[in-house]
């Protein structure tokens, strides 16, 4: 029996946003703004949250957490960059290293 192919989060993100996972029109629908997050530059799409930035353009991310663990997977199309952040830090509010990394990119 062949071994199952392991796919990294970065490979999966690149495949999704390059149109290899679904037809382009479905990807466009998935990324379309649906609901405001209540912030000036934020929105929710289907399963993703997004932001608009002068420096980075429109970018997308999804995060989650449970029992002291947090994770985030982000994609910045303008830079063709994916960011994966996994942590087991407890406390510190909703901000964590991935947010700080994106803020640094916006400053450049």
Foldseek 3Di string as FASTA:
>chain_A
DDDDDDDDPLNVVLCLVVCNVHHPVVSVQQPDFDAAPPDPFWGHGNQWIWGAAPQQGIKIKHKDDDDQKIWMWIARVVVRDIDIDIDNHPDDPPDDDVVVVVVVSRVD
